[in-house]
C-alpha atoms as a PDB file:
ATOM      1  CA  MET A   1      -4.651 -17.319-127.000  1.00  0.00           C
ATOM      2  CA  ILE A   2      -3.074 -20.720-127.564  1.00  0.00           C
ATOM      3  CA  ILE A   3      -1.185 -20.823-130.844  1.00  0.00           C
ATOM      4  CA  LEU A   4       0.623 -23.548-132.749  1.00  0.00           C
ATOM      5  CA  ILE A   5       3.101 -22.257-135.299  1.00  0.00           C
ATOM      6  CA  ILE A   6       5.056 -24.426-137.698  1.00  0.00           C
ATOM      7  CA  THR A   7       7.315 -22.417-139.995  1.00  0.00           C
ATOM      8  CA  LEU A   8       7.786 -24.320-143.262  1.00  0.00           C
ATOM      9  CA  THR A   9      11.129 -23.329-144.759  1.00  0.00           C
ATOM     10  CA  SER A  10      14.169 -25.493-145.247  1.00  0.00           C
ATOM     11  CA  LEU A  11      13.076 -27.187-142.003  1.00  0.00           C
ATOM     12  CA  THR A  12      10.881 -29.495-144.052  1.00  0.00           C
ATOM     13  CA  LYS A  13      14.087 -31.461-144.736  1.00  0.00           C
ATOM     14  CA  LYS A  14      15.108 -31.598-141.090  1.00  0.00           C
ATOM     15  CA  LYS A  15      14.716 -34.830-139.205  1.00  0.00           C
ATOM     16  CA  TYR A  16      14.747 -33.400-135.685  1.00  0.00           C
ATOM     17  CA  PHE A  17      13.004 -30.485-133.997  1.00  0.00           C
ATOM     18  CA  GLU A  18      14.780 -27.127-133.870  1.00  0.00           C
ATOM     19  CA  GLY A  19      13.028 -24.079-132.470  1.00  0.00           C
ATOM     20  CA  VAL A  20      11.386 -22.698-129.373  1.00  0.00           C
ATOM     21  CA  ILE A  21       8.466 -23.781-127.206  1.00  0.00           C
ATOM     22  CA  THR A  22       6.720 -21.222-125.000  1.00  0.00           C
ATOM     23  CA  TYR A  23       5.120 -22.422-121.771  1.00  0.00           C
ATOM     24  CA  ASN A  24       2.688 -20.960-119.279  1.00  0.00           C
ATOM     25  CA  VAL A  25       4.033 -21.493-115.761  1.00  0.00           C
ATOM     26  CA  GLU A  26       1.698 -22.114-112.821  1.00  0.00           C
ATOM     27  CA  THR A  27       2.927 -22.373-109.234  1.00  0.00           C
ATOM     28  CA  ILE A  28       0.608 -23.660-106.501  1.00  0.00           C
ATOM     29  CA  ILE A  29       1.717 -23.482-102.877  1.00  0.00           C
ATOM     30  CA  LEU A  30       0.371 -26.412-100.842  1.00  0.00           C
ATOM     31  CA  LYS A  31       2.068 -25.588 -97.539  1.00  0.00           C
ATOM     32  CA  GLU A  32       2.852 -22.001 -96.618  1.00  0.00           C
ATOM     33  CA  SER A  33       6.330 -21.328 -95.249  1.00  0.00           C
ATOM     34  CA  SER A  34       8.835 -18.507 -94.936  1.00  0.00           C
ATOM     35  CA  TYR A  35       9.954 -19.364 -98.485  1.00  0.00           C
ATOM     36  CA  SER A  36       6.493 -19.357-100.078  1.00  0.00           C
ATOM     37  CA  ASP A  37       6.715 -15.839-101.516  1.00  0.00           C
ATOM     38  CA  TYR A  38      10.089 -16.615-103.075  1.00  0.00           C
ATOM     39  CA  LEU A  39       8.847 -19.912-104.533  1.00  0.00           C
ATOM     40  CA  LYS A  40       5.901 -18.113-106.146  1.00  0.00           C
ATOM     41  CA  GLU A  41       8.351 -15.675-107.718  1.00  0.00           C
ATOM     42  CA  ARG A  42      11.271 -17.975-108.546  1.00  0.00           C
ATOM     43  CA  TYR A  43      10.028 -19.636-111.743  1.00  0.00           C
ATOM     44  CA  GLY A  44       8.026 -16.730-113.155  1.00  0.00           C
ATOM     45  CA  THR A  45       4.823 -16.917-115.171  1.00  0.00           C
ATOM     46  CA  SER A  46       6.207 -18.073-118.522  1.00  0.00           C
ATOM     47  CA  MET A  47       9.217 -19.871-119.940  1.00  0.00           C
ATOM     48  CA  LYS A  48      10.783 -20.202-123.383  1.00  0.00           C
ATOM     49  CA  PHE A  49      12.656 -23.422-124.153  1.00  0.00           C
ATOM     50  CA  TYR A  50      15.071 -23.199-127.096  1.00  0.00           C
ATOM     51  CA  TRP A  51      16.168 -26.435-128.797  1.00  0.00           C
ATOM     52  CA  GLY A  52      19.334 -26.110-130.866  1.00  0.00           C
ATOM     53  CA  GLU A  53      20.213 -28.239-133.854  1.00  0.00           C
ATOM     54  CA  ASN A  54      23.404 -29.490-132.184  1.00  0.00           C
ATOM     55  CA  GLY A  55      21.780 -30.412-128.877  1.00  0.00           C
ATOM     56  CA  ASN A  56      22.262 -27.118-127.043  1.00  0.00           C
ATOM     57  CA  LEU A  57      19.346 -26.094-124.811  1.00  0.00           C
ATOM     58  CA  LEU A  58      18.288 -22.764-123.325  1.00  0.00           C
ATOM     59  CA  ARG A  59      15.467 -22.132-120.852  1.00  0.00           C
ATOM     60  CA  LYS A  60      14.576 -18.489-120.179  1.00  0.00           C
ATOM     61  CA  THR A  61      12.192 -17.409-117.416  1.00  0.00           C
ATOM     62  CA  PHE A  62       9.850 -14.409-117.618  1.00  0.00           C
ATOM     63  CA  GLY A  63       7.503 -12.633-115.203  1.00  0.00           C
ATOM     64  CA  ASN A  64       9.772 -12.789-112.151  1.00  0.00           C
ATOM     65  CA  GLN A  65      12.029 -10.240-110.489  1.00  0.00           C
ATOM     66  CA  ALA A  66      13.954 -12.823-108.482  1.00  0.00           C
ATOM     67  CA  GLY A  67      14.941 -16.438-108.960  1.00  0.00           C
ATOM     68  CA  LEU A  68      15.914 -18.118-112.212  1.00  0.00           C
ATOM     69  CA  ASP A  69      16.894 -15.964-115.195  1.00  0.00           C
ATOM     70  CA  TYR A  70      18.069 -18.685-117.558  1.00  0.00           C
ATOM     71  CA  SER A  71      19.618 -22.137-117.743  1.00  0.00           C
ATOM     72  CA  LEU A  72      21.936 -22.897-120.654  1.00  0.00           C
ATOM     73  CA  TYR A  73      23.057 -26.420-121.565  1.00  0.00           C
ATOM     74  CA  ILE A  74      26.091 -26.841-123.853  1.00  0.00           C
ATOM     75  CA  GLN A  75      25.893 -30.326-125.307  1.00  0.00           C
ATOM     76  CA  LYS A  76      29.567 -30.719-126.276  1.00  0.00           C
ATOM     77  CA  GLU A  77      30.628 -29.854-122.715  1.00  0.00           C
ATOM     78  CA  ASN A  78      27.710 -31.674-121.066  1.00  0.00           C
ATOM     79  CA  THR A  79      27.579 -28.633-118.785  1.00  0.00           C
ATOM     80  CA  PHE A  80      24.837 -26.342-117.489  1.00  0.00           C
ATOM     81  CA  TYR A  81      25.323 -22.606-116.981  1.00  0.00           C
ATOM     82  CA  VAL A  82      22.739 -21.004-114.694  1.00  0.00           C
ATOM     83  CA  LYS A  83      22.060 -17.296-114.188  1.00  0.00           C
ATOM     84  CA  TYR A  84      19.811 -15.939-111.422  1.00  0.00           C
ATOM     85  CA  LYS A  85      18.136 -12.541-111.628  1.00  0.00           C
ATOM     86  CA  GLY A  86      19.888  -9.832-109.654  1.00  0.00           C
ATOM     87  CA  VAL A  87      23.032 -11.983-109.273  1.00  0.00           C
ATOM     88  CA  ASP A  88      26.100 -11.104-111.347  1.00  0.00           C
ATOM     89  CA  THR A  89      27.551 -14.609-111.332  1.00  0.00           C
ATOM     90  CA  LEU A  90      27.255 -17.458-113.818  1.00  0.00           C
ATOM     91  CA  TYR A  91      26.949 -20.781-112.008  1.00  0.00           C
ATOM     92  CA  TYR A  92      27.863 -24.044-113.704  1.00  0.00           C
ATOM     93  CA  TYR A  93      27.589 -27.776-113.064  1.00  0.00           C
ATOM     94  CA  SER A  94      28.127 -31.028-114.915  1.00  0.00           C
ATOM     95  CA  GLY A  95      25.297 -32.760-116.742  1.00  0.00           C
ATOM     96  CA  LEU A  96      26.490 -35.937-115.014  1.00  0.00           C
ATOM     97  CA  THR A  97      25.214 -34.526-111.719  1.00  0.00           C
ATOM     98  CA  GLN A  98      22.337 -36.449-110.172  1.00  0.00           C
ATOM     99  CA  ASP A  99      20.698 -35.232-106.955  1.00  0.00           C
ATOM    100  CA  ASN A 100      17.846 -37.734-106.811  1.00  0.00           C
ATOM    101  CA  GLU A 101      17.144 -41.445-106.697  1.00  0.00           C
ATOM    102  CA  LEU A 102      14.764 -42.933-109.260  1.00  0.00           C
ATOM    103  CA  LEU A 103      12.193 -45.106-107.481  1.00  0.00           C
ATOM    104  CA  GLN A 104       9.679 -45.854-110.218  1.00  0.00           C
ATOM    105  CA  THR A 105       8.829 -45.057-113.839  1.00  0.00           C
ATOM    106  CA  ILE A 106       5.277 -45.265-115.207  1.00  0.00           C
ATOM    107  CA  GLU A 107       4.166 -44.724-118.805  1.00  0.00           C
ATOM    108  CA  ASP A 108       0.552 -43.834-119.569  1.00  0.00           C
ATOM    109  CA  GLU A 109      -1.750 -41.939-121.916  1.00  0.00           C
ATOM    110  CA  SER A 110      -2.284 -38.190-121.452  1.00  0.00           C
ATOM    111  CA  GLU A 111      -4.754 -35.517-122.469  1.00  0.00           C
ATOM    112  CA  PRO A 112      -4.308 -33.681-125.827  1.00  0.00           C
ATOM    113  CA  ILE A 113      -2.140 -30.562-125.731  1.00  0.00           C
ATOM    114  CA  LEU A 114      -2.279 -28.011-128.557  1.00  0.00           C
ATOM    115  CA  ASN A 115      -4.563 -30.458-130.371  1.00  0.00           C
ATOM    116  CA  GLN A 116      -1.821 -33.071-130.341  1.00  0.00           C
ATOM    117  CA  LYS A 117      -2.293 -36.589-129.010  1.00  0.00           C
ATOM    118  CA  CYS A 118       0.011 -37.029-126.033  1.00  0.00           C
ATOM    119  CA  LYS A 119       1.511 -39.669-123.798  1.00  0.00           C
ATOM    120  CA  LYS A 120       2.997 -39.358-120.333  1.00  0.00           C
ATOM    121  CA  ILE A 121       6.023 -40.671-118.493  1.00  0.00           C
ATOM    122  CA  GLU A 122       5.885 -40.287-114.706  1.00  0.00           C
ATOM    123  CA  LEU A 123       8.987 -40.502-112.539  1.00  0.00           C
ATOM    124  CA  LYS A 124       8.741 -41.112-108.814  1.00  0.00           C
ATOM    125  CA  LEU A 125      11.892 -39.666-107.258  1.00  0.00           C
ATOM    126  CA  LYS A 126      13.587 -39.352-103.884  1.00  0.00           C
ATOM    127  CA  SER A 127      15.831 -36.425-103.005  1.00  0.00           C
ATOM    128  CA  LYS A 128      19.331 -37.375-101.862  1.00  0.00           C
ATOM    129  CA  PHE A 129      19.438 -34.194 -99.756  1.00  0.00           C
ATOM    130  CA  ASP A 130      16.371 -34.501 -97.532  1.00  0.00           C
ATOM    131  CA  GLY A 131      14.984 -37.934 -98.406  1.00  0.00           C
ATOM    132  CA  LYS A 132      11.637 -36.506 -99.526  1.00  0.00           C
ATOM    133  CA  GLU A 133       9.791 -38.132-102.407  1.00  0.00           C
ATOM    134  CA  PHE A 134       8.293 -36.206-105.311  1.00  0.00           C
ATOM    135  CA  ILE A 135       6.887 -36.808-108.793  1.00  0.00           C
ATOM    136  CA  SER A 136       7.881 -35.494-112.216  1.00  0.00           C
ATOM    137  CA  GLU A 137       5.398 -35.891-115.056  1.00  0.00           C
ATOM    138  CA  TYR A 138       6.464 -35.384-118.689  1.00  0.00           C
ATOM    139  CA  HIS A 139       3.664 -35.142-121.257  1.00  0.00           C
ATOM    140  CA  TYR A 140       4.769 -35.350-124.874  1.00  0.00           C
ATOM    141  CA  SER A 141       3.647 -35.751-128.467  1.00  0.00           C
ATOM    142  CA  LYS A 142       5.389 -37.714-131.201  1.00  0.00           C
ATOM    143  CA  ASN A 143       4.932 -34.801-133.625  1.00  0.00           C
ATOM    144  CA  GLN A 144       8.179 -33.130-132.531  1.00  0.00           C
ATOM    145  CA  LYS A 145      11.160 -35.488-132.611  1.00  0.00           C
ATOM    146  CA  ILE A 146      14.572 -34.986-131.000  1.00  0.00           C
ATOM    147  CA  ASN A 147      17.829 -36.902-131.275  1.00  0.00           C
ATOM    148  CA  TYR A 148      17.869 -38.487-127.820  1.00  0.00           C
ATOM    149  CA  LYS A 149      21.422 -39.777-128.392  1.00  0.00           C
ATOM    150  CA  LEU A 150      22.686 -36.214-127.916  1.00  0.00           C
ATOM    151  CA  TYR A 151      21.521 -36.418-124.297  1.00  0.00           C
ATOM    152  CA  GLN A 152      22.598 -39.945-123.360  1.00  0.00           C
ATOM    153  CA  ASN A 153      25.139 -38.525-120.862  1.00  0.00           C
ATOM    154  CA  LEU A 154      22.708 -35.997-119.396  1.00  0.00           C
ATOM    155  CA  ASN A 155      21.953 -37.470-115.957  1.00  0.00           C
ATOM    156  CA  ASP A 156      20.532 -34.252-114.487  1.00  0.00           C
ATOM    157  CA  GLY A 157      16.830 -34.807-113.866  1.00  0.00           C
ATOM    158  CA  PHE A 158      17.204 -38.228-115.517  1.00  0.00           C
ATOM    159  CA  ALA A 159      16.944 -36.429-118.860  1.00  0.00           C
ATOM    160  CA  ASN A 160      18.823 -39.286-120.563  1.00  0.00           C
ATOM    161  CA  ILE A 161      16.100 -41.745-119.504  1.00  0.00           C
ATOM    162  CA  ILE A 162      13.255 -39.334-120.292  1.00  0.00           C
ATOM    163  CA  TYR A 163      14.459 -38.361-123.757  1.00  0.00           C
ATOM    164  CA  LYS A 164      15.284 -41.956-124.697  1.00  0.00           C
ATOM    165  CA  THR A 165      11.682 -42.863-123.841  1.00  0.00           C
ATOM    166  CA  THR A 166       9.872 -39.837-125.256  1.00  0.00           C
ATOM    167  CA  LYS A 167      12.214 -38.920-128.130  1.00  0.00           C
ATOM    168  CA  SER A 168      10.403 -35.577-127.916  1.00  0.00           C
ATOM    169  CA  PRO A 169      10.449 -32.294-125.987  1.00  0.00           C
ATOM    170  CA  TYR A 170       7.770 -32.138-123.318  1.00  0.00           C
ATOM    171  CA  LEU A 171       4.555 -30.229-123.940  1.00  0.00           C
ATOM    172  CA  LYS A 172       3.713 -30.294-120.241  1.00  0.00           C
ATOM    173  CA  LEU A 173       5.921 -30.762-117.215  1.00  0.00           C
ATOM    174  CA  LYS A 174       4.334 -31.182-113.802  1.00  0.00           C
ATOM    175  CA  LEU A 175       6.449 -31.309-110.638  1.00  0.00           C
ATOM    176  CA  ILE A 176       4.610 -32.432-107.521  1.00  0.00           C
ATOM    177  CA  PHE A 177       6.270 -31.827-104.132  1.00  0.00           C
ATOM    178  CA  ASP A 178       4.844 -31.812-100.599  1.00  0.00           C
ATOM    179  CA  GLU A 179       4.929 -28.027-100.464  1.00  0.00           C
ATOM    180  CA  ILE A 180       4.398 -26.987-104.061  1.00  0.00           C
ATOM    181  CA  ILE A 181       3.078 -28.039-107.477  1.00  0.00           C
ATOM    182  CA  MET A 182       4.640 -26.495-110.570  1.00  0.00           C
ATOM    183  CA  THR A 183       3.206 -26.908-114.059  1.00  0.00           C
ATOM    184  CA  TYR A 184       4.725 -25.877-117.374  1.00  0.00           C
ATOM    185  CA  LYS A 185       2.213 -26.164-120.235  1.00  0.00           C
ATOM    186  CA  ALA A 186       3.031 -25.403-123.868  1.00  0.00           C
ATOM    187  CA  GLU A 187       1.169 -22.470-125.426  1.00  0.00           C
ATOM    188  CA  LYS A 188       3.150 -22.094-128.639  1.00  0.00           C
ATOM    189  CA  ILE A 189       5.506 -24.229-130.714  1.00  0.00           C
ATOM    190  CA  GLU A 190       7.756 -22.520-133.246  1.00  0.00           C
ATOM    191  CA  GLU A 191       9.788 -24.788-135.492  1.00  0.00           C
ATOM    192  CA  ILE A 192      12.418 -22.359-136.762  1.00  0.00           C
ATOM    193  CA  GLU A 193      16.135 -22.117-137.421  1.00  0.00           C
ATOM    194  CA  LEU A 194      17.920 -20.672-134.403  1.00  0.00           C
ATOM    195  CA  ASP A 195      20.967 -18.437-134.447  1.00  0.00           C
ATOM    196  CA  GLU A 196      23.750 -20.263-132.587  1.00  0.00           C
ATOM    197  CA  ASN A 197      24.515 -17.002-130.744  1.00  0.00           C
ATOM    198  CA  ILE A 198      21.397 -17.746-128.675  1.00  0.00           C
ATOM    199  CA  PHE A 199      23.479 -20.416-126.959  1.00  0.00           C
ATOM    200  CA  LYS A 200      26.543 -18.226-126.428  1.00  0.00           C
ATOM    201  CA  ILE A 201      28.053 -18.323-122.929  1.00  0.00           C
ATOM    202  CA  ASP A 202      28.332 -14.923-121.224  1.00  0.00           C
ATOM    203  CA  ASN A 203      32.087 -14.659-120.663  1.00  0.00           C
ATOM    204  CA  LYS A 204      31.766 -11.261-118.986  1.00  0.00           C
ATOM    205  CA  LEU A 205      30.292 -12.784-115.842  1.00  0.00           C
ATOM    206  CA  PRO A 206      32.461 -14.431-113.183  1.00  0.00           C
ATOM    207  CA  ARG A 207      31.841 -18.171-112.896  1.00  0.00           C
ATOM    208  CA  LYS A 208      31.253 -20.278-109.830  1.00  0.00           C
ATOM    209  CA  LYS A 209      30.569 -23.975-109.435  1.00  0.00           C
ATOM    210  CA  HIS A 210      26.943 -24.600-108.471  1.00  0.00           C
ATOM    211  CA  LEU A 211      26.453 -26.265-105.106  1.00  0.00           C
END
């Protein structure tokens, strides 16, 4: 059941969104390959996206035995820490990292999500690794506001451009590649105070720079 939860506590005085958004994750394979089974498994069936008051971000993946476990962004460091399931290593990389070329940006209207009027920003991108083009669609509502200035140095995925335009977390993210289409669609929004320990880096794990 799709649920929208807004917890009205001291948050009524807050200017920017703090809380967690839960997404349903759908993976569609367009071209079967030796990696198809892994791609179906990698991103799971659901994802929780935690938005911290100070700009920290945490994405946790559920419903998969392999692939991504979580991705943690520490705003003050402008650094991502990535953990994969079954791998006892914490990978990290700079938020300044950019693996793609931005070819085109299109803004348009979108369908309602969770009974909220939405808009869409579509990015046409080209991978610097294999030269293939793909599309990222970000659907958002103006009901949840974020401080985009916290992410002005976050080049990864062109988040700095996206958040400056949307000033909101996405309610739907659609990634369209030649081989696969991935869709994250919000099922629940919880505007709540988050314990900062949620964004604590696991210092027990050895670290390695992400390729």
